C-alpha atoms as a PDB file:
ATOM      1  CA  MET A   1     140.177   8.291 126.734  1.00  0.00           C
ATOM      2  CA  LYS A   2     140.127  11.441 128.297  1.00  0.00           C
ATOM      3  CA  MET A   3     138.990  14.766 125.911  1.00  0.00           C
ATOM      4  CA  THR A   4     140.255  17.869 126.942  1.00  0.00           C
ATOM      5  CA  GLY A   5     138.558  21.718 126.721  1.00  0.00           C
ATOM      6  CA  SER A   6     139.936  22.375 123.671  1.00  0.00           C
ATOM      7  CA  THR A   7     139.166  19.713 122.112  1.00  0.00           C
ATOM      8  CA  LEU A   8     135.994  19.647 122.489  1.00  0.00           C
ATOM      9  CA  ALA A   9     135.388  22.883 121.242  1.00  0.00           C
ATOM     10  CA  LEU A  10     137.106  22.299 118.120  1.00  0.00           C
ATOM     11  CA  ARG A  11     134.769  19.533 117.410  1.00  0.00           C
ATOM     12  CA  VAL A  12     131.644  22.129 117.983  1.00  0.00           C
ATOM     13  CA  LEU A  13     133.393  24.599 115.792  1.00  0.00           C
ATOM     14  CA  ALA A  14     133.169  22.252 112.915  1.00  0.00           C
ATOM     15  CA  ALA A  15     129.828  20.957 113.255  1.00  0.00           C
ATOM     16  CA  ALA A  16     128.795  24.614 113.202  1.00  0.00           C
ATOM     17  CA  LEU A  17     130.766  25.144 109.760  1.00  0.00           C
ATOM     18  CA  ALA A  18     129.342  22.174 108.111  1.00  0.00           C
ATOM     19  CA  ALA A  19     125.602  23.551 109.239  1.00  0.00           C
ATOM     20  CA  ILE A  20     126.556  26.803 107.702  1.00  0.00           C
ATOM     21  CA  MET A  21     127.934  25.348 104.388  1.00  0.00           C
ATOM     22  CA  THR A  22     124.259  23.282 103.881  1.00  0.00           C
ATOM     23  CA  VAL A  23     122.614  26.359 103.897  1.00  0.00           C
ATOM     24  CA  VAL A  24     124.469  28.229 101.470  1.00  0.00           C
ATOM     25  CA  SER A  25     124.273  25.231  99.037  1.00  0.00           C
ATOM     26  CA  LEU A  26     120.565  25.594  99.337  1.00  0.00           C
ATOM     27  CA  SER A  27     120.408  29.112  98.859  1.00  0.00           C
ATOM     28  CA  SER A  28     122.632  28.738  95.547  1.00  0.00           C
ATOM     29  CA  CYS A  29     119.745  26.699  93.722  1.00  0.00           C
ATOM     30  CA  SER A  30     118.246  29.589  91.906  1.00  0.00           C
ATOM     31  CA  ASP A  31     116.528  27.930  89.034  1.00  0.00           C
ATOM     32  CA  GLY A  32     113.814  26.072  91.569  1.00  0.00           C
ATOM     33  CA  LYS A  33     114.728  22.743  89.265  1.00  0.00           C
ATOM     34  CA  LYS A  34     117.437  21.779  91.946  1.00  0.00           C
ATOM     35  CA  LYS A  35     116.740  19.870  95.341  1.00  0.00           C
ATOM     36  CA  VAL A  36     119.138  19.793  97.734  1.00  0.00           C
ATOM     37  CA  LYS A  37     118.738  16.918  99.970  1.00  0.00           C
ATOM     38  CA  GLU A  38     119.632  18.053 103.611  1.00  0.00           C
ATOM     39  CA  THR A  39     121.649  15.348 105.251  1.00  0.00           C
ATOM     40  CA  GLU A  40     121.222  16.342 109.233  1.00  0.00           C
ATOM     41  CA  THR A  41     124.266  15.542 110.899  1.00  0.00           C
ATOM     42  CA  VAL A  42     123.513  14.459 113.831  1.00  0.00           C
ATOM     43  CA  PRO A  43     126.567  14.383 116.454  1.00  0.00           C
ATOM     44  CA  VAL A  44     127.258  12.104 118.775  1.00  0.00           C
ATOM     45  CA  THR A  45     127.964  12.651 122.136  1.00  0.00           C
ATOM     46  CA  GLU A  46     129.547   9.722 123.699  1.00  0.00           C
ATOM     47  CA  THR A  47     129.502  10.385 127.606  1.00  0.00           C
ATOM     48  CA  GLU A  48     132.082   8.118 129.030  1.00  0.00           C
ATOM     49  CA  THR A  49     132.199   7.845 132.532  1.00  0.00           C
ATOM     50  CA  GLU A  50     135.263   6.906 134.125  1.00  0.00           C
ATOM     51  CA  THR A  51     135.013   5.982 137.899  1.00  0.00           C
ATOM     52  CA  GLU A  52     138.409   6.404 139.030  1.00  0.00           C
ATOM     53  CA  THR A  53     139.429   5.829 142.658  1.00  0.00           C
ATOM     54  CA  ASP A  54     139.987   9.647 142.762  1.00  0.00           C
ATOM     55  CA  THR A  55     136.209  10.553 142.030  1.00  0.00           C
ATOM     56  CA  GLU A  56     136.959  12.032 138.447  1.00  0.00           C
ATOM     57  CA  THR A  57     134.345  11.846 135.933  1.00  0.00           C
ATOM     58  CA  GLU A  58     134.760  12.768 132.490  1.00  0.00           C
ATOM     59  CA  THR A  59     132.725  12.791 129.695  1.00  0.00           C
ATOM     60  CA  GLU A  60     133.480  12.195 125.993  1.00  0.00           C
ATOM     61  CA  THR A  61     131.776  13.149 123.199  1.00  0.00           C
ATOM     62  CA  GLU A  62     132.701  11.693 119.935  1.00  0.00           C
ATOM     63  CA  PRO A  63     133.589  13.943 116.551  1.00  0.00           C
ATOM     64  CA  VAL A  64     130.779  14.665 114.216  1.00  0.00           C
ATOM     65  CA  THR A  65     131.170  12.916 110.741  1.00  0.00           C
ATOM     66  CA  GLU A  66     130.364  15.079 107.776  1.00  0.00           C
ATOM     67  CA  THR A  67     128.176  14.185 105.436  1.00  0.00           C
ATOM     68  CA  GLU A  68     128.542  15.557 101.764  1.00  0.00           C
ATOM     69  CA  PRO A  69     124.614  16.813 100.607  1.00  0.00           C
ATOM     70  CA  VAL A  70     123.199  14.576  97.836  1.00  0.00           C
ATOM     71  CA  THR A  71     122.484  16.760  94.858  1.00  0.00           C
ATOM     72  CA  GLU A  72     119.588  14.975  92.547  1.00  0.00           C
ATOM     73  CA  PRO A  73     120.205  15.722  88.685  1.00  0.00           C
ATOM     74  CA  PRO A  74     117.492  18.306  87.244  1.00  0.00           C
ATOM     75  CA  GLU A  75     114.774  17.280  85.597  1.00  0.00           C
ATOM     76  CA  THR A  76     114.832  17.785  81.699  1.00  0.00           C
ATOM     77  CA  GLU A  77     112.170  16.395  79.058  1.00  0.00           C
ATOM     78  CA  PRO A  78     113.503  14.143  76.614  1.00  0.00           C
ATOM     79  CA  PRO A  79     113.832  15.652  73.049  1.00  0.00           C
ATOM     80  CA  GLU A  80     110.954  14.881  70.939  1.00  0.00           C
ATOM     81  CA  THR A  81     112.250  12.806  67.955  1.00  0.00           C
ATOM     82  CA  GLU A  82     110.493  11.000  65.312  1.00  0.00           C
ATOM     83  CA  PRO A  83     111.522   7.039  64.897  1.00  0.00           C
ATOM     84  CA  ALA A  84     113.414   6.811  61.531  1.00  0.00           C
ATOM     85  CA  TRP A  85     111.504   4.897  59.003  1.00  0.00           C
ATOM     86  CA  THR A  86     112.091   1.782  58.236  1.00  0.00           C
ATOM     87  CA  GLU A  87     110.953  -0.034  54.850  1.00  0.00           C
ATOM     88  CA  PRO A  88     109.551  -3.723  55.564  1.00  0.00           C
ATOM     89  CA  VAL A  89     111.506  -6.540  54.092  1.00  0.00           C
ATOM     90  CA  TRP A  90     109.360  -8.608  51.866  1.00  0.00           C
ATOM     91  CA  THR A  91     109.609 -12.157  52.441  1.00  0.00           C
ATOM     92  CA  GLU A  92     108.353 -15.035  49.643  1.00  0.00           C
ATOM     93  CA  PRO A  93     106.296 -17.146  51.158  1.00  0.00           C
ATOM     94  CA  ALA A  94     107.154 -20.833  51.125  1.00  0.00           C
ATOM     95  CA  TRP A  95     105.393 -23.027  48.717  1.00  0.00           C
ATOM     96  CA  THR A  96     103.869 -25.715  49.655  1.00  0.00           C
ATOM     97  CA  GLU A  97     102.726 -28.824  47.695  1.00  0.00           C
ATOM     98  CA  PRO A  98      99.051 -29.401  48.257  1.00  0.00           C
ATOM     99  CA  PRO A  99      98.764 -32.951  49.380  1.00  0.00           C
ATOM    100  CA  GLN A 100      98.018 -35.280  46.295  1.00  0.00           C
ATOM    101  CA  THR A 101      94.053 -37.371  46.830  1.00  0.00           C
ATOM    102  CA  GLU A 102      93.393 -39.935  45.064  1.00  0.00           C
ATOM    103  CA  PRO A 103      89.878 -39.112  43.355  1.00  0.00           C
ATOM    104  CA  VAL A 104      87.042 -41.699  44.282  1.00  0.00           C
ATOM    105  CA  TRP A 105      85.473 -42.918  41.884  1.00  0.00           C
ATOM    106  CA  THR A 106      81.387 -43.259  41.601  1.00  0.00           C
ATOM    107  CA  GLU A 107      79.827 -45.579  39.064  1.00  0.00           C
ATOM    108  CA  PRO A 108      77.625 -43.434  37.161  1.00  0.00           C
ATOM    109  CA  PRO A 109      74.093 -44.062  37.379  1.00  0.00           C
ATOM    110  CA  ALA A 110      72.298 -46.641  35.008  1.00  0.00           C
ATOM    111  CA  PRO A 111      70.414 -44.884  31.999  1.00  0.00           C
ATOM    112  CA  PRO A 112      66.702 -45.175  31.875  1.00  0.00           C
ATOM    113  CA  GLN A 113      65.214 -48.470  30.246  1.00  0.00           C
ATOM    114  CA  THR A 114      63.216 -47.198  27.356  1.00  0.00           C
ATOM    115  CA  GLU A 115      62.487 -49.210  24.605  1.00  0.00           C
ATOM    116  CA  PRO A 116      64.448 -48.504  21.730  1.00  0.00           C
ATOM    117  CA  PRO A 117      62.590 -46.630  18.905  1.00  0.00           C
ATOM    118  CA  ALA A 118      61.431 -49.172  16.282  1.00  0.00           C
ATOM    119  CA  PRO A 119      63.118 -48.909  12.694  1.00  0.00           C
ATOM    120  CA  PRO A 120      61.421 -47.890  10.100  1.00  0.00           C
ATOM    121  CA  ALA A 121      60.080 -50.257   7.751  1.00  0.00           C
ATOM    122  CA  THR A 122      62.480 -51.951   5.012  1.00  0.00           C
ATOM    123  CA  GLU A 123      59.789 -53.356   3.325  1.00  0.00           C
ATOM    124  CA  PRO A 124      56.687 -50.907   1.870  1.00  0.00           C
ATOM    125  CA  PRO A 125      53.318 -51.689   2.922  1.00  0.00           C
ATOM    126  CA  ALA A 126      50.620 -52.496   0.376  1.00  0.00           C
ATOM    127  CA  PRO A 127      48.960 -49.643  -1.185  1.00  0.00           C
ATOM    128  CA  PRO A 128      45.762 -48.608   0.146  1.00  0.00           C
ATOM    129  CA  ALA A 129      42.574 -50.674  -1.576  1.00  0.00           C
ATOM    130  CA  PRO A 130      40.717 -47.781  -3.888  1.00  0.00           C
ATOM    131  CA  GLU A 131      37.201 -46.508  -2.191  1.00  0.00           C
ATOM    132  CA  GLU A 132      35.579 -46.796  -5.275  1.00  0.00           C
ATOM    133  CA  LYS A 133      36.739 -48.552  -8.888  1.00  0.00           C
ATOM    134  CA  GLY A 134      37.256 -46.394 -11.229  1.00  0.00           C
ATOM    135  CA  GLU A 135      38.000 -46.788 -15.050  1.00  0.00           C
ATOM    136  CA  VAL A 136      41.036 -47.513 -16.339  1.00  0.00           C
ATOM    137  CA  ILE A 137      42.319 -45.883 -19.266  1.00  0.00           C
ATOM    138  CA  GLY A 138      45.597 -47.262 -19.096  1.00  0.00           C
ATOM    139  CA  HIS A 139      49.055 -47.880 -18.238  1.00  0.00           C
ATOM    140  CA  SER A 140      52.350 -46.302 -17.632  1.00  0.00           C
ATOM    141  CA  SER A 141      55.514 -46.944 -19.059  1.00  0.00           C
ATOM    142  CA  LYS A 142      56.169 -48.630 -15.707  1.00  0.00           C
ATOM    143  CA  GLY A 143      53.393 -50.938 -16.383  1.00  0.00           C
ATOM    144  CA  PHE A 144      51.054 -49.213 -13.739  1.00  0.00           C
ATOM    145  CA  PRO A 145      47.321 -49.184 -14.482  1.00  0.00           C
ATOM    146  CA  ILE A 146      46.059 -45.298 -14.976  1.00  0.00           C
ATOM    147  CA  GLU A 147      42.444 -44.885 -13.997  1.00  0.00           C
ATOM    148  CA  VAL A 148      40.066 -42.148 -13.220  1.00  0.00           C
ATOM    149  CA  ARG A 149      37.597 -41.956 -10.302  1.00  0.00           C
ATOM    150  CA  GLY A 150      35.300 -38.800 -10.463  1.00  0.00           C
ATOM    151  CA  GLY A 151      37.339 -36.964 -12.889  1.00  0.00           C
ATOM    152  CA  ILE A 152      40.638 -37.621 -10.559  1.00  0.00           C
ATOM    153  CA  THR A 153      43.746 -39.518 -11.987  1.00  0.00           C
ATOM    154  CA  TYR A 154      45.415 -42.387  -9.693  1.00  0.00           C
ATOM    155  CA  VAL A 155      48.036 -44.184 -11.201  1.00  0.00           C
ATOM    156  CA  GLY A 156      49.100 -47.042  -9.190  1.00  0.00           C
ATOM    157  CA  GLY A 157      46.409 -46.150  -6.680  1.00  0.00           C
ATOM    158  CA  LEU A 158      47.943 -43.048  -6.322  1.00  0.00           C
ATOM    159  CA  MET A 159      46.310 -39.749  -6.625  1.00  0.00           C
ATOM    160  CA  VAL A 160      48.182 -37.447  -9.313  1.00  0.00           C
ATOM    161  CA  ALA A 161      48.057 -33.723 -10.065  1.00  0.00           C
ATOM    162  CA  ASN A 162      50.810 -32.682 -12.636  1.00  0.00           C
ATOM    163  CA  LYS A 163      50.994 -30.906 -15.429  1.00  0.00           C
ATOM    164  CA  THR A 164      49.630 -33.748 -17.519  1.00  0.00           C
ATOM    165  CA  TYR A 165      46.861 -34.978 -15.090  1.00  0.00           C
ATOM    166  CA  SER A 166      44.247 -32.383 -13.639  1.00  0.00           C
ATOM    167  CA  LEU A 167      41.773 -32.111 -10.877  1.00  0.00           C
ATOM    168  CA  PRO A 168      38.207 -31.108 -11.380  1.00  0.00           C
ATOM    169  CA  SER A 169      37.284 -27.496 -10.324  1.00  0.00           C
ATOM    170  CA  THR A 170      34.787 -28.995  -7.879  1.00  0.00           C
ATOM    171  CA  TYR A 171      37.332 -31.152  -6.294  1.00  0.00           C
ATOM    172  CA  ASP A 172      37.782 -29.711  -2.688  1.00  0.00           C
ATOM    173  CA  PRO A 173      39.007 -31.701   0.837  1.00  0.00           C
ATOM    174  CA  GLY A 174      38.470 -28.311   2.844  1.00  0.00           C
ATOM    175  CA  GLY A 175      42.012 -28.980   3.968  1.00  0.00           C
ATOM    176  CA  MET A 176      44.910 -31.509   4.663  1.00  0.00           C
ATOM    177  CA  THR A 177      43.670 -34.884   4.542  1.00  0.00           C
ATOM    178  CA  PRO A 178      43.365 -36.623   7.785  1.00  0.00           C
ATOM    179  CA  GLU A 179      46.670 -38.904   6.965  1.00  0.00           C
ATOM    180  CA  THR A 180      48.601 -35.866   5.893  1.00  0.00           C
ATOM    181  CA  TYR A 181      47.956 -33.934   8.664  1.00  0.00           C
ATOM    182  CA  SER A 182      48.550 -37.318  11.480  1.00  0.00           C
ATOM    183  CA  ALA A 183      52.026 -37.961   9.488  1.00  0.00           C
ATOM    184  CA  PHE A 184      52.851 -34.389   9.277  1.00  0.00           C
ATOM    185  CA  VAL A 185      52.415 -33.692  13.426  1.00  0.00           C
ATOM    186  CA  ARG A 186      54.664 -36.602  13.891  1.00  0.00           C
ATOM    187  CA  MET A 187      57.179 -35.704  11.731  1.00  0.00           C
ATOM    188  CA  GLN A 188      57.006 -32.461  13.787  1.00  0.00           C
ATOM    189  CA  SER A 189      57.645 -34.473  16.771  1.00  0.00           C
ATOM    190  CA  ALA A 190      60.757 -36.364  15.628  1.00  0.00           C
ATOM    191  CA  ALA A 191      61.916 -33.128  14.228  1.00  0.00           C
ATOM    192  CA  ALA A 192      61.280 -30.881  17.773  1.00  0.00           C
ATOM    193  CA  ALA A 193      63.247 -33.845  19.735  1.00  0.00           C
ATOM    194  CA  GLU A 194      66.411 -33.087  17.969  1.00  0.00           C
ATOM    195  CA  GLY A 195      65.836 -29.105  18.869  1.00  0.00           C
ATOM    196  CA  LEU A 196      64.490 -28.446  14.984  1.00  0.00           C
ATOM    197  CA  SER A 197      61.277 -26.637  14.488  1.00  0.00           C
ATOM    198  CA  LEU A 198      58.778 -27.447  11.172  1.00  0.00           C
ATOM    199  CA  TYR A 199      55.888 -25.940  10.269  1.00  0.00           C
ATOM    200  CA  SER A 200      53.771 -25.263   7.346  1.00  0.00           C
ATOM    201  CA  VAL A 201      53.494 -22.034   5.517  1.00  0.00           C
ATOM    202  CA  SER A 202      51.243 -22.775   2.799  1.00  0.00           C
ATOM    203  CA  ASP A 203      49.100 -26.482   2.474  1.00  0.00           C
ATOM    204  CA  TYR A 204      45.541 -26.460   1.068  1.00  0.00           C
ATOM    205  CA  ARG A 205      44.531 -24.311  -1.240  1.00  0.00           C
ATOM    206  CA  SER A 206      41.293 -24.250  -3.265  1.00  0.00           C
ATOM    207  CA  TYR A 207      40.772 -24.301  -7.159  1.00  0.00           C
ATOM    208  CA  ALA A 208      39.940 -20.716  -6.885  1.00  0.00           C
ATOM    209  CA  LEU A 209      42.831 -19.580  -4.720  1.00  0.00           C
ATOM    210  CA  GLN A 210      45.398 -21.469  -6.994  1.00  0.00           C
ATOM    211  CA  SER A 211      43.612 -19.541 -10.175  1.00  0.00           C
ATOM    212  CA  TRP A 212      44.244 -16.403  -8.549  1.00  0.00           C
ATOM    213  CA  LEU A 213      47.495 -16.972  -7.395  1.00  0.00           C
ATOM    214  CA  TYR A 214      48.704 -18.444 -10.793  1.00  0.00           C
ATOM    215  CA  GLN A 215      47.295 -15.310 -12.383  1.00  0.00           C
ATOM    216  CA  THR A 216      49.231 -12.844 -10.348  1.00  0.00           C
ATOM    217  CA  TYR A 217      52.465 -14.514 -11.309  1.00  0.00           C
ATOM    218  CA  VAL A 218      51.901 -14.373 -14.617  1.00  0.00           C
ATOM    219  CA  ASP A 219      51.014 -10.645 -14.542  1.00  0.00           C
ATOM    220  CA  ARG A 220      54.185 -10.134 -12.774  1.00  0.00           C
ATOM    221  CA  ASP A 221      56.871 -12.308 -14.253  1.00  0.00           C
ATOM    222  CA  GLY A 222      55.163 -13.695 -17.747  1.00  0.00           C
ATOM    223  CA  LYS A 223      53.662 -16.934 -18.310  1.00  0.00           C
ATOM    224  CA  GLU A 224      56.677 -18.948 -19.567  1.00  0.00           C
ATOM    225  CA  LEU A 225      58.618 -18.177 -16.059  1.00  0.00           C
ATOM    226  CA  ALA A 226      55.680 -18.569 -14.137  1.00  0.00           C
ATOM    227  CA  ASP A 227      54.766 -21.964 -15.317  1.00  0.00           C
ATOM    228  CA  THR A 228      58.183 -23.115 -13.498  1.00  0.00           C
ATOM    229  CA  PHE A 229      57.394 -22.300  -9.967  1.00  0.00           C
ATOM    230  CA  SER A 230      53.368 -22.009 -10.142  1.00  0.00           C
ATOM    231  CA  ALA A 231      50.603 -24.786 -11.389  1.00  0.00           C
ATOM    232  CA  ARG A 232      47.943 -23.700 -13.426  1.00  0.00           C
ATOM    233  CA  PRO A 233      44.618 -24.236 -11.687  1.00  0.00           C
ATOM    234  CA  GLY A 234      43.438 -27.849 -11.269  1.00  0.00           C
ATOM    235  CA  HIS A 235      46.879 -28.680 -11.611  1.00  0.00           C
ATOM    236  CA  SER A 236      48.443 -27.778  -8.547  1.00  0.00           C
ATOM    237  CA  GLU A 237      48.868 -30.547  -5.574  1.00  0.00           C
ATOM    238  CA  HIS A 238      48.405 -28.212  -3.160  1.00  0.00           C
ATOM    239  CA  GLN A 239      44.265 -29.191  -3.848  1.00  0.00           C
ATOM    240  CA  THR A 240      44.504 -32.551  -3.038  1.00  0.00           C
ATOM    241  CA  GLY A 241      45.087 -31.464   0.571  1.00  0.00           C
ATOM    242  CA  LEU A 242      48.275 -33.625   0.185  1.00  0.00           C
ATOM    243  CA  ALA A 243      51.269 -31.053   0.119  1.00  0.00           C
ATOM    244  CA  ILE A 244      52.948 -28.870   2.227  1.00  0.00           C
ATOM    245  CA  ASP A 245      54.951 -26.254   2.248  1.00  0.00           C
ATOM    246  CA  ILE A 246      57.511 -26.029   4.991  1.00  0.00           C
ATOM    247  CA  ASN A 247      59.183 -23.546   6.828  1.00  0.00           C
ATOM    248  CA  SER A 248      59.980 -21.092   3.711  1.00  0.00           C
ATOM    249  CA  THR A 249      59.646 -20.922  -0.312  1.00  0.00           C
ATOM    250  CA  TYR A 250      63.186 -20.119  -0.661  1.00  0.00           C
ATOM    251  CA  LYS A 251      65.889 -22.398  -1.891  1.00  0.00           C
ATOM    252  CA  SER A 252      68.566 -21.270   1.064  1.00  0.00           C
ATOM    253  CA  PHE A 253      66.012 -23.566   2.939  1.00  0.00           C
ATOM    254  CA  ALA A 254      67.748 -26.340   1.744  1.00  0.00           C
ATOM    255  CA  ASP A 255      71.127 -25.509   3.534  1.00  0.00           C
ATOM    256  CA  THR A 256      69.419 -25.056   7.183  1.00  0.00           C
ATOM    257  CA  PRO A 257      69.152 -27.730   9.282  1.00  0.00           C
ATOM    258  CA  GLU A 258      65.627 -28.076   9.299  1.00  0.00           C
ATOM    259  CA  GLY A 259      65.974 -28.390   5.657  1.00  0.00           C
ATOM    260  CA  GLN A 260      68.518 -30.639   5.791  1.00  0.00           C
ATOM    261  CA  TRP A 261      66.763 -32.644   8.146  1.00  0.00           C
ATOM    262  CA  LEU A 262      63.536 -33.051   6.151  1.00  0.00           C
ATOM    263  CA  ALA A 263      65.292 -33.775   3.177  1.00  0.00           C
ATOM    264  CA  ALA A 264      66.837 -36.847   5.280  1.00  0.00           C
ATOM    265  CA  HIS A 265      63.799 -37.916   7.004  1.00  0.00           C
ATOM    266  CA  CYS A 266      60.861 -37.235   5.583  1.00  0.00           C
ATOM    267  CA  TRP A 267      60.452 -40.471   3.896  1.00  0.00           C
ATOM    268  CA  GLU A 268      60.219 -41.959   7.361  1.00  0.00           C
ATOM    269  CA  TYR A 269      56.613 -40.452   7.708  1.00  0.00           C
ATOM    270  CA  GLY A 270      55.487 -41.131   4.249  1.00  0.00           C
ATOM    271  CA  PHE A 271      56.361 -37.534   2.536  1.00  0.00           C
ATOM    272  CA  ILE A 272      58.861 -37.118  -0.532  1.00  0.00           C
ATOM    273  CA  ILE A 273      60.586 -33.657  -1.827  1.00  0.00           C
ATOM    274  CA  ARG A 274      57.874 -33.736  -4.500  1.00  0.00           C
ATOM    275  CA  TYR A 275      59.890 -31.755  -6.968  1.00  0.00           C
ATOM    276  CA  PRO A 276      64.074 -32.489  -6.345  1.00  0.00           C
ATOM    277  CA  ALA A 277      67.094 -30.663  -7.391  1.00  0.00           C
ATOM    278  CA  GLY A 278      68.029 -32.203 -11.251  1.00  0.00           C
ATOM    279  CA  LYS A 279      64.870 -33.407 -11.978  1.00  0.00           C
ATOM    280  CA  GLU A 280      63.097 -29.892 -13.289  1.00  0.00           C
ATOM    281  CA  SER A 281      62.662 -31.641 -16.983  1.00  0.00           C
ATOM    282  CA  VAL A 282      60.553 -34.506 -15.330  1.00  0.00           C
ATOM    283  CA  THR A 283      58.698 -33.054 -12.935  1.00  0.00           C
ATOM    284  CA  GLY A 284      58.185 -29.778 -15.037  1.00  0.00           C
ATOM    285  CA  PHE A 285      59.062 -27.639 -12.006  1.00  0.00           C
ATOM    286  CA  MET A 286      61.726 -26.021 -10.724  1.00  0.00           C
ATOM    287  CA  TYR A 287      64.084 -27.436  -7.139  1.00  0.00           C
ATOM    288  CA  GLU A 288      61.704 -26.805  -4.278  1.00  0.00           C
ATOM    289  CA  PRO A 289      63.394 -28.373  -1.140  1.00  0.00           C
ATOM    290  CA  TRP A 290      60.396 -27.047   0.773  1.00  0.00           C
ATOM    291  CA  HIS A 291      57.625 -28.674  -1.195  1.00  0.00           C
ATOM    292  CA  VAL A 292      56.486 -32.105   0.151  1.00  0.00           C
ATOM    293  CA  ARG A 293      53.903 -34.462  -1.073  1.00  0.00           C
ATOM    294  CA  TYR A 294      52.552 -37.379   1.533  1.00  0.00           C
ATOM    295  CA  VAL A 295      52.407 -40.453  -0.888  1.00  0.00           C
ATOM    296  CA  GLY A 296      52.319 -43.177   1.990  1.00  0.00           C
ATOM    297  CA  THR A 297      55.117 -45.011   3.295  1.00  0.00           C
ATOM    298  CA  TRP A 298      53.830 -47.864   1.070  1.00  0.00           C
ATOM    299  CA  LEU A 299      55.699 -45.210  -1.874  1.00  0.00           C
ATOM    300  CA  SER A 300      57.992 -43.648   0.247  1.00  0.00           C
ATOM    301  CA  ILE A 301      60.213 -46.114   0.757  1.00  0.00           C
ATOM    302  CA  PRO A 302      61.135 -47.552  -2.580  1.00  0.00           C
ATOM    303  CA  LEU A 303      60.924 -43.765  -4.065  1.00  0.00           C
ATOM    304  CA  ARG A 304      63.769 -43.138  -1.669  1.00  0.00           C
ATOM    305  CA  ASP A 305      65.509 -46.239  -2.537  1.00  0.00           C
ATOM    306  CA  SER A 306      65.134 -45.805  -6.232  1.00  0.00           C
ATOM    307  CA  GLY A 307      66.401 -42.003  -5.787  1.00  0.00           C
ATOM    308  CA  GLN A 308      63.952 -41.150  -8.361  1.00  0.00           C
ATOM    309  CA  CYS A 309      61.311 -38.683  -8.690  1.00  0.00           C
ATOM    310  CA  LEU A 310      57.525 -39.578  -9.009  1.00  0.00           C
ATOM    311  CA  GLU A 311      56.829 -39.440 -12.447  1.00  0.00           C
ATOM    312  CA  GLU A 312      60.088 -41.582 -13.006  1.00  0.00           C
ATOM    313  CA  TYR A 313      58.860 -44.186 -10.684  1.00  0.00           C
ATOM    314  CA  LEU A 314      55.571 -44.147 -11.902  1.00  0.00           C
ATOM    315  CA  GLY A 315      56.297 -43.978 -15.269  1.00  0.00           C
ATOM    316  CA  ILE A 316      54.391 -40.953 -16.464  1.00  0.00           C
ATOM    317  CA  THR A 317      54.713 -37.152 -17.868  1.00  0.00           C
ATOM    318  CA  SER A 318      54.220 -34.098 -16.858  1.00  0.00           C
ATOM    319  CA  VAL A 319      53.651 -31.583 -19.270  1.00  0.00           C
ATOM    320  CA  TYR A 320      50.888 -29.204 -20.431  1.00  0.00           C
ATOM    321  CA  ASP A 321      48.880 -29.717 -23.623  1.00  0.00           C
ATOM    322  CA  TYR A 322      47.627 -26.626 -23.818  1.00  0.00           C
END
């Protein structure tokens, strides 16, 4: 292709105008936030050499292509917006049935091999032989011999101290008799094994102590009333060393666990409730659930079985004659 001079001039002019427009566009961005990417338009000159036979050489330059300037968008900071609060959705957890496992059965340990306690004797042993022979002064209404040994009365071999039969002022065992104390300790241990506590609040009293105590009650309550709950000196079982007041001296003791246990089990150890309820006119004293007397199992067993008090069983009285 053959390019004329006018054509070449037009193309050069167009390239110049494009350059001017680019400069103007860059200067118009006054806020500094717009950038103009300048794209240089490089005219491509095509030299075409034509060799003609007639020695004419012609150089042809290709037209300059105009490129629209690329303008980047201005940088803007995104607006700060607080995220919207969304209430959490509560989901009920799915219930899973626990696995059912059969319990493993284990054999309980064998109880310790212990000898069972011997049952109480059903037949009373024979009464102890008297240490010395006394004078038989008669027989009771039940046929028991009444004898006196050293000023002490025995009925059927048993020492008796009540309103009818007295003790000499000189009789003084000095405390509980050995057999009484031994039996009481065994009874205490048996009660303790069941969580109960038995203890003596009064046991042996001398003739002189009983004399003072009785007179104190007479001065306070009068003789008639005092005779219903306190023995005159020489007539008290406490002087024998065979009697014990346990835990209390109030009738309410009968309703306590210890009082109930004592009434139910004292006979097993040779004791009796000496002044039972309902027998006041026979014993001569009011009901005393705390007062026990040691008689030995040879007598406590038949007494328990008979339901009688000591005076009834022996066939004797208990009445002052002065």
